[in-house]
Amino acid sequence: MTVEDFQAVVSTVADAIAGRPVDAELGSYLNETFPPDSDAFQAIEKACHAAIADGWMCNYGDAPLRYGRVIKPNDALHGFSVDVVEMDDVKGPHHAHPNGEIDMVMPIDDGAEFDGQGAGWLVYGPDTAHSPTVRGGKALVLYLLPGGAIEFTKR
């Protein structure tokens, strides 16, 4: 799995959401169009696990929180950046999303949830903030950030 291969897999979702408002309606659209049992969702999940095994994804930090920016914002992904985190029953650092945040939740352990969401999609609109939290085990979370915008805050 290369970064280029990974970007090609993620582009399916980026192409489908390009130009849409980052809001709750987008979350519903993603959960209907790319549910956890869809080919696209499963391809991205498989690619994440392959990239982690290859050592270039989630290569910063230590358990229970490993992370990394995988792809900087670019035209091929309609200005989205891609970050992936692996979290194991942990609360992450508080941050704000100036342009919103689109989260793909991929539980590794049965029952693991990210901010209360099991397998599927969770969308935070522009100018929102949170302390990302995984409870109930380990999960991968892929973040699509419009313009790559994220602001870590002290809390």
Protein backbone atom coordinates (compact mmCIF):
# COMPACT_ATOMS: atom_id res chain seq x y z
CA MET A 1 0.00 0.00 0.00
CA THR A 2 1.47 3.34 -1.08
CA VAL A 3 0.24 6.84 -0.27
CA GLU A 4 -0.80 7.18 -3.92
CA ASP A 5 -2.81 3.94 -3.74
CA PHE A 6 -4.41 5.10 -0.51
CA GLN A 7 -5.35 8.48 -1.99
CA ALA A 8 -6.99 6.72 -4.93
CA VAL A 9 -9.15 4.67 -2.54
CA VAL A 10 -10.16 7.72 -0.48
CA SER A 11 -10.90 9.77 -3.60
CA THR A 12 -14.15 7.81 -4.07
CA VAL A 13 -15.55 9.49 -0.96
CA ALA A 14 -13.91 12.88 -1.60
CA ASP A 15 -15.39 12.98 -5.12
CA ALA A 16 -18.86 12.20 -3.75
CA ILE A 17 -18.82 14.96 -1.13
CA ALA A 18 -16.92 17.71 -2.97
CA GLY A 19 -18.76 21.01 -2.65
CA ARG A 20 -21.32 19.77 -0.13
CA PRO A 21 -21.81 21.66 3.13
CA VAL A 22 -20.05 20.04 6.09
CA ASP A 23 -23.07 19.47 8.33
CA ALA A 24 -25.34 16.80 9.83
CA GLU A 25 -26.98 16.23 6.45
CA LEU A 26 -23.56 15.28 5.06
CA GLY A 27 -23.22 12.72 7.86
CA SER A 28 -26.55 11.18 6.88
CA TYR A 29 -25.54 11.16 3.22
CA LEU A 30 -22.26 9.39 4.00
CA ASN A 31 -23.92 6.80 6.24
CA GLU A 32 -26.45 6.06 3.47
CA THR A 33 -24.03 6.13 0.55
CA PHE A 34 -20.95 4.57 2.15
CA PRO A 35 -22.19 2.43 5.06
CA PRO A 36 -19.73 0.13 6.87
CA ASP A 37 -20.75 -2.86 4.74
CA SER A 38 -20.19 -1.00 1.44
CA ASP A 39 -17.31 -1.83 -0.88
CA ALA A 40 -15.90 1.71 -0.59
CA PHE A 41 -15.94 1.76 3.23
CA GLN A 42 -14.36 -1.68 3.43
CA ALA A 43 -11.71 -0.76 0.83
CA ILE A 44 -10.67 2.29 2.86
CA GLU A 45 -10.63 0.27 6.09
CA LYS A 46 -8.52 -2.47 4.49
CA ALA A 47 -6.15 0.15 3.05
CA CYS A 48 -5.73 1.75 6.51
CA HIS A 49 -4.78 -1.58 8.07
CA ALA A 50 -2.33 -2.30 5.22
CA ALA A 51 -0.71 1.14 5.55
CA ILE A 52 -0.34 0.73 9.32
CA ALA A 53 1.27 -2.67 8.77
CA ASP A 54 3.59 -1.06 6.21
CA GLY A 55 4.64 1.47 8.87
CA TRP A 56 3.71 4.79 7.29
CA MET A 57 0.26 5.36 8.78
CA CYS A 58 -0.32 6.15 12.47
CA ASN A 59 3.43 6.37 12.84
CA TYR A 60 3.46 9.15 15.46
CA GLY A 61 2.70 8.75 19.15
CA ASP A 62 2.41 5.60 21.17
CA ALA A 63 -0.47 3.39 22.24
CA PRO A 64 -3.16 4.18 23.26
CA LEU A 65 -3.03 7.10 20.75
CA ARG A 66 -1.15 6.84 17.46
CA TYR A 67 -1.76 9.29 14.65
CA GLY A 68 -0.50 11.03 11.55
CA ARG A 69 -1.42 13.29 8.66
CA VAL A 70 -1.43 10.93 5.70
CA ILE A 71 -2.28 13.33 2.89
CA LYS A 72 -2.04 17.11 2.79
CA PRO A 73 -4.92 19.03 1.21
CA ASN A 74 -4.75 18.71 -2.56
CA ASP A 75 -6.82 19.16 -5.70
CA ALA A 76 -7.19 15.41 -6.31
CA LEU A 77 -9.08 15.19 -2.99
CA HIS A 78 -10.97 18.46 -3.55
CA GLY A 79 -8.96 20.30 -0.89
CA PHE A 80 -9.39 17.72 1.86
CA SER A 81 -6.50 16.53 3.98
CA VAL A 82 -6.53 13.02 5.43
CA ASP A 83 -5.45 12.17 8.97
CA VAL A 84 -5.78 8.74 10.57
CA VAL A 85 -5.65 7.97 14.29
CA GLU A 86 -5.65 4.70 16.18
CA MET A 87 -7.21 5.15 19.61
CA ASP A 88 -7.67 2.59 22.36
CA ASP A 89 -10.06 3.66 25.12
CA VAL A 90 -8.59 7.15 25.29
CA LYS A 91 -9.52 10.83 25.19
CA GLY A 92 -7.47 12.75 22.64
CA PRO A 93 -6.34 16.37 22.60
CA HIS A 94 -9.02 19.06 22.40
CA HIS A 95 -9.18 20.76 19.03
CA ALA A 96 -11.37 22.98 16.87
CA HIS A 97 -12.49 22.53 13.27
CA PRO A 98 -12.62 25.92 11.51
CA ASN A 99 -14.03 24.31 8.34
CA GLY A 100 -15.59 21.21 9.90
CA GLU A 101 -14.41 17.62 10.28
CA ILE A 102 -15.64 14.45 8.56
CA ASP A 103 -14.90 11.29 10.56
CA MET A 104 -14.93 7.72 9.32
CA VAL A 105 -15.13 5.43 12.36
CA MET A 106 -13.67 1.93 11.98
CA PRO A 107 -13.88 -0.08 15.22
CA ILE A 108 -11.13 -2.65 15.65
CA ASP A 109 -12.68 -4.06 18.82
CA ASP A 110 -16.37 -4.95 18.94
CA GLY A 111 -18.24 -2.19 20.71
CA ALA A 112 -15.60 0.50 20.26
CA GLU A 113 -17.12 3.93 19.62
CA PHE A 114 -15.71 7.30 18.66
CA ASP A 115 -17.60 10.15 20.34
CA GLY A 116 -20.53 7.75 20.73
CA GLN A 117 -20.47 6.64 17.06
CA GLY A 118 -19.80 3.03 16.14
CA ALA A 119 -18.80 1.98 12.63
CA GLY A 120 -19.84 4.68 10.18
CA TRP A 121 -19.57 8.41 9.69
CA LEU A 122 -19.73 11.37 12.07
CA VAL A 123 -19.59 14.97 10.87
CA TYR A 124 -18.74 18.08 12.88
CA GLY A 125 -19.68 21.36 11.21
CA PRO A 126 -17.49 24.45 10.89
CA ASP A 127 -16.41 26.21 14.08
CA THR A 128 -17.02 23.18 16.29
CA ALA A 129 -14.59 21.69 18.80
CA HIS A 130 -14.22 18.53 20.89
CA SER A 131 -11.90 16.20 22.74
CA PRO A 132 -12.06 13.12 20.50
CA THR A 133 -12.78 10.07 22.61
CA VAL A 134 -12.82 6.36 21.91
CA ARG A 135 -14.56 4.14 24.46
CA GLY A 136 -15.16 0.40 24.50
CA GLY A 137 -11.90 -0.68 22.89
CA LYS A 138 -9.73 0.22 19.94
CA ALA A 139 -10.79 2.03 16.77
CA LEU A 140 -9.31 3.70 13.73
CA VAL A 141 -10.69 7.09 12.78
CA LEU A 142 -10.03 8.70 9.42
CA TYR A 143 -10.48 12.49 9.41
CA LEU A 144 -11.20 14.44 6.25
CA LEU A 145 -10.48 18.10 6.98
CA PRO A 146 -11.55 20.76 4.46
CA GLY A 147 -8.42 22.77 3.70
CA GLY A 148 -6.55 20.70 6.28
CA ALA A 149 -7.74 23.13 8.95
CA ILE A 150 -7.45 22.03 12.57
CA GLU A 151 -6.58 24.07 15.66
CA PHE A 152 -5.34 22.31 18.77
CA THR A 153 -6.44 24.11 21.90
CA LYS A 154 -5.34 24.09 25.51
CA ARG A 155 -7.94 22.65 27.79
